[in-house]
Amino acid sequence: GGIASGEELLAVAETLSAARRIRRQIDDQILRPTLTAVLSDLATLPELEQCLKFGLEDGGRVADRASSYLAELRRKANNLRIERSDRLKDLMRKYGSILQDNVISERNYRPVLAVKSPLASNLSGLIHDSSSSGNTVFIEPQEVIPLGNHLIELEGQIFKHEQELLLKWSRLVAENFPTIQKLQKILLQLDLALARARYSF
């Protein structure tokens, strides 16, 4: 009933892939009858492996291709970030004389401009922080606040949909758990046999 992380699900896919490669390398009734017999009950679940690898990128991030809805949400969020960044750059040019520097900083996960304290009233917006010296206040300009709010809403929808996809894939893994557990035992048996052979040499 839980939700595995993308990294954990990718690890399952990689284990299935490794098992498939090992079986292909070892499977030979004449040359390796004992090992081939060990592999006779090995099911590598290629459909599950493909499903997980299609839906997840390296590092476990849910891929855009996993869902057209997710791809659209991410596209909207990215466009909003670009629009907000462009507006902030315009504001920096417009209010350059009251700024301490020309850098877009971040406070409370929101973009802010560093404004000289005595001139803070010249820029309408939300004050998130001030410098330890008190000479600078960090203001999120009013003009970009609605964009930031909309972006947070979109990011919430993105996270929710990602969790839904991870749950779906976690359930697929759970449904195949007996097979995966058996596969794991066979791989462990092979790993132990290899370790014993190397140690014997």
C-alpha atoms as a PDB file:
ATOM      1  CA  GLY A   1       0.000   0.000   0.000  1.00  0.00           C
ATOM      2  CA  GLY A   2       2.996   2.342   0.204  1.00  0.00           C
ATOM      3  CA  ILE A   3       4.641   4.432  -2.479  1.00  0.00           C
ATOM      4  CA  ALA A   4       8.160   3.487  -3.547  1.00  0.00           C
ATOM      5  CA  SER A   5      10.452   6.281  -4.679  1.00  0.00           C
ATOM      6  CA  GLY A   6      11.527   6.619  -8.276  1.00  0.00           C
ATOM      7  CA  GLU A   7      15.040   5.500  -7.312  1.00  0.00           C
ATOM      8  CA  GLU A   8      13.673   2.355  -5.652  1.00  0.00           C
ATOM      9  CA  LEU A   9      11.482   1.506  -8.635  1.00  0.00           C
ATOM     10  CA  LEU A  10      14.413   2.010 -11.002  1.00  0.00           C
ATOM     11  CA  ALA A  11      16.465  -0.352  -8.828  1.00  0.00           C
ATOM     12  CA  VAL A  12      13.764  -2.992  -9.328  1.00  0.00           C
ATOM     13  CA  ALA A  13      13.894  -2.424 -13.098  1.00  0.00           C
ATOM     14  CA  GLU A  14      17.705  -2.689 -13.119  1.00  0.00           C
ATOM     15  CA  THR A  15      17.547  -5.933 -11.130  1.00  0.00           C
ATOM     16  CA  LEU A  16      15.082  -7.399 -13.649  1.00  0.00           C
ATOM     17  CA  SER A  17      17.343  -6.263 -16.485  1.00  0.00           C
ATOM     18  CA  ALA A  18      20.426  -7.781 -14.838  1.00  0.00           C
ATOM     19  CA  ALA A  19      18.607 -11.082 -14.303  1.00  0.00           C
ATOM     20  CA  ARG A  20      17.618 -11.180 -17.976  1.00  0.00           C
ATOM     21  CA  ARG A  21      21.214 -10.552 -19.110  1.00  0.00           C
ATOM     22  CA  ILE A  22      22.588 -13.180 -16.730  1.00  0.00           C
ATOM     23  CA  ARG A  23      20.121 -15.786 -17.953  1.00  0.00           C
ATOM     24  CA  ARG A  24      21.072 -15.044 -21.570  1.00  0.00           C
ATOM     25  CA  GLN A  25      24.797 -15.434 -20.747  1.00  0.00           C
ATOM     26  CA  ILE A  26      24.470 -18.603 -18.681  1.00  0.00           C
ATOM     27  CA  ASP A  27      21.601 -20.532 -20.278  1.00  0.00           C
ATOM     28  CA  ASP A  28      23.215 -23.536 -22.007  1.00  0.00           C
ATOM     29  CA  GLN A  29      22.007 -27.018 -21.100  1.00  0.00           C
ATOM     30  CA  ILE A  30      25.094 -28.725 -22.522  1.00  0.00           C
ATOM     31  CA  LEU A  31      27.890 -26.457 -21.255  1.00  0.00           C
ATOM     32  CA  ARG A  32      26.314 -25.392 -17.944  1.00  0.00           C
ATOM     33  CA  PRO A  33      23.610 -27.907 -16.980  1.00  0.00           C
ATOM     34  CA  THR A  34      23.668 -27.121 -13.231  1.00  0.00           C
ATOM     35  CA  LEU A  35      23.419 -23.345 -13.587  1.00  0.00           C
ATOM     36  CA  THR A  36      20.869 -23.665 -16.358  1.00  0.00           C
ATOM     37  CA  ALA A  37      18.739 -25.792 -14.047  1.00  0.00           C
ATOM     38  CA  VAL A  38      18.957 -23.075 -11.387  1.00  0.00           C
ATOM     39  CA  LEU A  39      17.674 -20.562 -13.947  1.00  0.00           C
ATOM     40  CA  SER A  40      14.833 -22.738 -15.186  1.00  0.00           C
ATOM     41  CA  ASP A  41      12.294 -21.013 -12.925  1.00  0.00           C
ATOM     42  CA  LEU A  42      13.671 -17.487 -13.406  1.00  0.00           C
ATOM     43  CA  ALA A  43      10.992 -15.038 -14.591  1.00  0.00           C
ATOM     44  CA  THR A  44      12.425 -11.603 -15.441  1.00  0.00           C
ATOM     45  CA  LEU A  45       9.141  -9.703 -16.028  1.00  0.00           C
ATOM     46  CA  PRO A  46      10.249  -7.709 -19.109  1.00  0.00           C
ATOM     47  CA  GLU A  47       6.906  -5.868 -19.319  1.00  0.00           C
ATOM     48  CA  LEU A  48       7.312  -4.530 -15.784  1.00  0.00           C
ATOM     49  CA  GLU A  49      10.922  -3.546 -16.483  1.00  0.00           C
ATOM     50  CA  GLN A  50       9.908  -1.666 -19.651  1.00  0.00           C
ATOM     51  CA  CYS A  51       7.036   0.064 -17.857  1.00  0.00           C
ATOM     52  CA  LEU A  52       9.318   1.345 -15.083  1.00  0.00           C
ATOM     53  CA  LYS A  53      12.132   2.396 -17.411  1.00  0.00           C
ATOM     54  CA  PHE A  54       9.710   4.191 -19.716  1.00  0.00           C
ATOM     55  CA  GLY A  55       8.124   6.115 -16.863  1.00  0.00           C
ATOM     56  CA  LEU A  56      11.310   7.036 -14.985  1.00  0.00           C
ATOM     57  CA  GLU A  57      14.463   8.898 -15.937  1.00  0.00           C
ATOM     58  CA  ASP A  58      17.956   8.324 -14.551  1.00  0.00           C
ATOM     59  CA  GLY A  59      17.950   9.395 -10.909  1.00  0.00           C
ATOM     60  CA  GLY A  60      14.327   8.322 -10.438  1.00  0.00           C
ATOM     61  CA  ARG A  61      12.591  11.465 -11.724  1.00  0.00           C
ATOM     62  CA  VAL A  62       9.184  10.777 -13.269  1.00  0.00           C
ATOM     63  CA  ALA A  63       9.614  11.380 -17.008  1.00  0.00           C
ATOM     64  CA  ASP A  64       7.458  13.770 -19.028  1.00  0.00           C
ATOM     65  CA  ARG A  65       6.672  10.890 -21.386  1.00  0.00           C
ATOM     66  CA  ALA A  66       4.995   8.976 -18.540  1.00  0.00           C
ATOM     67  CA  SER A  67       1.900  11.163 -18.838  1.00  0.00           C
ATOM     68  CA  SER A  68       0.753  13.801 -21.305  1.00  0.00           C
ATOM     69  CA  TYR A  69      -1.021  15.546 -18.410  1.00  0.00           C
ATOM     70  CA  LEU A  70       2.216  15.702 -16.417  1.00  0.00           C
ATOM     71  CA  ALA A  71       4.120  16.979 -19.451  1.00  0.00           C
ATOM     72  CA  GLU A  72       1.531  19.749 -19.931  1.00  0.00           C
ATOM     73  CA  LEU A  73       1.660  20.772 -16.262  1.00  0.00           C
ATOM     74  CA  ARG A  74       5.460  20.954 -16.360  1.00  0.00           C
ATOM     75  CA  ARG A  75       5.367  22.961 -19.599  1.00  0.00           C
ATOM     76  CA  LYS A  76       2.993  25.493 -18.001  1.00  0.00           C
ATOM     77  CA  ALA A  77       5.151  25.704 -14.873  1.00  0.00           C
ATOM     78  CA  ASN A  78       8.301  26.250 -16.921  1.00  0.00           C
ATOM     79  CA  ASN A  79       6.622  28.996 -18.967  1.00  0.00           C
ATOM     80  CA  LEU A  80       5.545  30.686 -15.728  1.00  0.00           C
ATOM     81  CA  ARG A  81       9.104  30.589 -14.375  1.00  0.00           C
ATOM     82  CA  ILE A  82      10.395  32.181 -17.562  1.00  0.00           C
ATOM     83  CA  GLU A  83       7.693  34.871 -17.489  1.00  0.00           C
ATOM     84  CA  ARG A  84       8.386  35.638 -13.835  1.00  0.00           C
ATOM     85  CA  SER A  85      12.129  35.806 -14.449  1.00  0.00           C
ATOM     86  CA  ASP A  86      11.626  38.193 -17.380  1.00  0.00           C
ATOM     87  CA  ARG A  87       9.414  40.472 -15.301  1.00  0.00           C
ATOM     88  CA  LEU A  88      11.909  40.515 -12.450  1.00  0.00           C
ATOM     89  CA  LYS A  89      14.693  41.480 -14.850  1.00  0.00           C
ATOM     90  CA  ASP A  90      12.503  44.311 -16.189  1.00  0.00           C
ATOM     91  CA  LEU A  91      11.869  45.480 -12.622  1.00  0.00           C
ATOM     92  CA  MET A  92      15.599  45.409 -11.832  1.00  0.00           C
ATOM     93  CA  ARG A  93      16.226  47.697 -14.771  1.00  0.00           C
ATOM     94  CA  LYS A  94      13.346  49.991 -13.789  1.00  0.00           C
ATOM     95  CA  TYR A  95      14.278  50.212 -10.101  1.00  0.00           C
ATOM     96  CA  GLY A  96      18.043  49.858 -10.430  1.00  0.00           C
ATOM     97  CA  SER A  97      18.707  53.029  -8.436  1.00  0.00           C
ATOM     98  CA  ILE A  98      17.056  51.678  -5.254  1.00  0.00           C
ATOM     99  CA  LEU A  99      18.611  48.185  -5.383  1.00  0.00           C
ATOM    100  CA  GLN A 100      21.669  47.064  -3.453  1.00  0.00           C
ATOM    101  CA  ASP A 101      22.662  44.710  -6.287  1.00  0.00           C
ATOM    102  CA  ASN A 102      21.403  43.315  -9.584  1.00  0.00           C
ATOM    103  CA  VAL A 103      20.791  39.762  -8.393  1.00  0.00           C
ATOM    104  CA  ILE A 104      17.484  37.925  -8.020  1.00  0.00           C
ATOM    105  CA  SER A 105      17.726  36.262  -4.616  1.00  0.00           C
ATOM    106  CA  GLU A 106      15.401  33.788  -2.938  1.00  0.00           C
ATOM    107  CA  ARG A 107      13.686  33.908   0.435  1.00  0.00           C
ATOM    108  CA  ASN A 108      11.049  31.420   1.628  1.00  0.00           C
ATOM    109  CA  TYR A 109      11.240  29.798  -1.824  1.00  0.00           C
ATOM    110  CA  ARG A 110      10.116  33.071  -3.442  1.00  0.00           C
ATOM    111  CA  PRO A 111      12.169  35.399  -5.690  1.00  0.00           C
ATOM    112  CA  VAL A 112      13.139  38.707  -4.083  1.00  0.00           C
ATOM    113  CA  LEU A 113      15.049  41.876  -4.936  1.00  0.00           C
ATOM    114  CA  ALA A 114      17.545  43.402  -2.503  1.00  0.00           C
ATOM    115  CA  VAL A 115      16.274  46.958  -1.870  1.00  0.00           C
ATOM    116  CA  LYS A 116      17.999  49.704   0.118  1.00  0.00           C
ATOM    117  CA  SER A 117      16.016  50.009   3.352  1.00  0.00           C
ATOM    118  CA  PRO A 118      15.361  53.791   3.235  1.00  0.00           C
ATOM    119  CA  LEU A 119      13.918  53.406  -0.282  1.00  0.00           C
ATOM    120  CA  ALA A 120      11.866  50.245   0.293  1.00  0.00           C
ATOM    121  CA  SER A 121       8.560  52.115   0.037  1.00  0.00           C
ATOM    122  CA  ASN A 122       9.344  52.856  -3.620  1.00  0.00           C
ATOM    123  CA  LEU A 123       8.822  49.208  -4.578  1.00  0.00           C
ATOM    124  CA  SER A 124       5.406  47.702  -3.895  1.00  0.00           C
ATOM    125  CA  GLY A 125       5.553  44.130  -2.739  1.00  0.00           C
ATOM    126  CA  LEU A 126       5.955  41.667   0.103  1.00  0.00           C
ATOM    127  CA  ILE A 127       8.972  41.962   2.424  1.00  0.00           C
ATOM    128  CA  HIS A 128      10.350  38.477   3.145  1.00  0.00           C
ATOM    129  CA  ASP A 129      13.556  39.297   5.018  1.00  0.00           C
ATOM    130  CA  SER A 130      16.114  41.947   5.884  1.00  0.00           C
ATOM    131  CA  SER A 131      19.892  41.929   6.153  1.00  0.00           C
ATOM    132  CA  SER A 132      21.590  41.598   9.544  1.00  0.00           C
ATOM    133  CA  SER A 133      22.800  45.185   9.213  1.00  0.00           C
ATOM    134  CA  GLY A 134      19.313  46.429   8.463  1.00  0.00           C
ATOM    135  CA  ASN A 135      20.524  48.250   5.357  1.00  0.00           C
ATOM    136  CA  THR A 136      18.718  45.916   2.948  1.00  0.00           C
ATOM    137  CA  VAL A 137      15.230  44.479   2.733  1.00  0.00           C
ATOM    138  CA  PHE A 138      14.325  41.602   0.436  1.00  0.00           C
ATOM    139  CA  ILE A 139      11.090  42.321  -1.406  1.00  0.00           C
ATOM    140  CA  GLU A 140       9.020  40.097  -3.655  1.00  0.00           C
ATOM    141  CA  PRO A 141       7.569  42.641  -6.096  1.00  0.00           C
ATOM    142  CA  GLN A 142       3.773  42.813  -6.198  1.00  0.00           C
ATOM    143  CA  GLU A 143       3.866  42.370  -9.959  1.00  0.00           C
ATOM    144  CA  VAL A 144       5.202  38.815  -9.729  1.00  0.00           C
ATOM    145  CA  ILE A 145       3.320  37.592  -6.625  1.00  0.00           C
ATOM    146  CA  PRO A 146       0.306  36.248  -8.619  1.00  0.00           C
ATOM    147  CA  LEU A 147       2.695  34.392 -10.929  1.00  0.00           C
ATOM    148  CA  GLY A 148       4.422  32.858  -7.906  1.00  0.00           C
ATOM    149  CA  ASN A 149       1.093  31.816  -6.402  1.00  0.00           C
ATOM    150  CA  HIS A 150       0.025  30.189  -9.656  1.00  0.00           C
ATOM    151  CA  LEU A 151       3.395  28.433  -9.904  1.00  0.00           C
ATOM    152  CA  ILE A 152       3.028  26.979  -6.393  1.00  0.00           C
ATOM    153  CA  GLU A 153      -0.430  25.715  -7.349  1.00  0.00           C
ATOM    154  CA  LEU A 154       0.964  24.056 -10.489  1.00  0.00           C
ATOM    155  CA  GLU A 155       3.864  22.517  -8.560  1.00  0.00           C
ATOM    156  CA  GLY A 156       1.349  21.034  -6.125  1.00  0.00           C
ATOM    157  CA  GLN A 157      -0.574  19.480  -9.020  1.00  0.00           C
ATOM    158  CA  ILE A 158       2.662  18.158 -10.512  1.00  0.00           C
ATOM    159  CA  PHE A 159       3.695  16.560  -7.209  1.00  0.00           C
ATOM    160  CA  LYS A 160       0.244  14.995  -6.757  1.00  0.00           C
ATOM    161  CA  HIS A 161       0.275  13.485 -10.244  1.00  0.00           C
ATOM    162  CA  GLU A 162       3.839  12.207  -9.802  1.00  0.00           C
ATOM    163  CA  GLN A 163       2.747  10.480  -6.589  1.00  0.00           C
ATOM    164  CA  GLU A 164      -0.225   8.922  -8.392  1.00  0.00           C
ATOM    165  CA  LEU A 165       2.098   7.472 -11.039  1.00  0.00           C
ATOM    166  CA  LEU A 166       4.576   6.214  -8.427  1.00  0.00           C
ATOM    167  CA  LEU A 167       1.692   4.569  -6.562  1.00  0.00           C
ATOM    168  CA  LYS A 168       0.497   2.854  -9.751  1.00  0.00           C
ATOM    169  CA  TRP A 169       3.975   1.479 -10.455  1.00  0.00           C
ATOM    170  CA  SER A 170       4.478   0.509  -6.794  1.00  0.00           C
ATOM    171  CA  ARG A 171       1.288  -1.546  -6.997  1.00  0.00           C
ATOM    172  CA  LEU A 172       2.571  -3.303 -10.122  1.00  0.00           C
ATOM    173  CA  VAL A 173       5.746  -4.223  -8.259  1.00  0.00           C
ATOM    174  CA  ALA A 174       3.700  -5.397  -5.262  1.00  0.00           C
ATOM    175  CA  GLU A 175       1.522  -7.579  -7.483  1.00  0.00           C
ATOM    176  CA  ASN A 176       4.670  -9.269  -8.809  1.00  0.00           C
ATOM    177  CA  PHE A 177       6.401  -9.474  -5.445  1.00  0.00           C
ATOM    178  CA  PRO A 178       6.469 -13.318  -5.181  1.00  0.00           C
ATOM    179  CA  THR A 179       8.122 -13.545  -8.600  1.00  0.00           C
ATOM    180  CA  ILE A 180      10.609 -10.770  -7.787  1.00  0.00           C
ATOM    181  CA  GLN A 181      11.431 -12.376  -4.434  1.00  0.00           C
ATOM    182  CA  LYS A 182      12.101 -15.703  -6.167  1.00  0.00           C
ATOM    183  CA  LEU A 183      14.276 -13.930  -8.742  1.00  0.00           C
ATOM    184  CA  GLN A 184      16.225 -12.292  -5.937  1.00  0.00           C
ATOM    185  CA  LYS A 185      16.887 -15.660  -4.288  1.00  0.00           C
ATOM    186  CA  ILE A 186      18.157 -17.123  -7.570  1.00  0.00           C
ATOM    187  CA  LEU A 187      20.461 -14.150  -8.145  1.00  0.00           C
ATOM    188  CA  LEU A 188      21.758 -14.503  -4.586  1.00  0.00           C
ATOM    189  CA  GLN A 189      22.395 -18.209  -5.198  1.00  0.00           C
ATOM    190  CA  LEU A 190      24.385 -17.368  -8.343  1.00  0.00           C
ATOM    191  CA  ASP A 191      26.269 -14.583  -6.572  1.00  0.00           C
ATOM    192  CA  LEU A 192      27.228 -16.931  -3.741  1.00  0.00           C
ATOM    193  CA  ALA A 193      28.336 -19.620  -6.218  1.00  0.00           C
ATOM    194  CA  LEU A 194      30.554 -17.088  -8.016  1.00  0.00           C
ATOM    195  CA  ALA A 195      32.042 -15.877  -4.728  1.00  0.00           C
ATOM    196  CA  ARG A 196      32.821 -19.452  -3.675  1.00  0.00           C
ATOM    197  CA  ALA A 197      34.429 -20.185  -7.061  1.00  0.00           C
ATOM    198  CA  ARG A 198      36.609 -17.079  -6.865  1.00  0.00           C
ATOM    199  CA  TYR A 199      37.568 -17.857  -3.280  1.00  0.00           C
ATOM    200  CA  SER A 200      38.441 -21.462  -4.214  1.00  0.00           C
ATOM    201  CA  PHE A 201      40.862 -20.172  -6.874  1.00  0.00           C
END
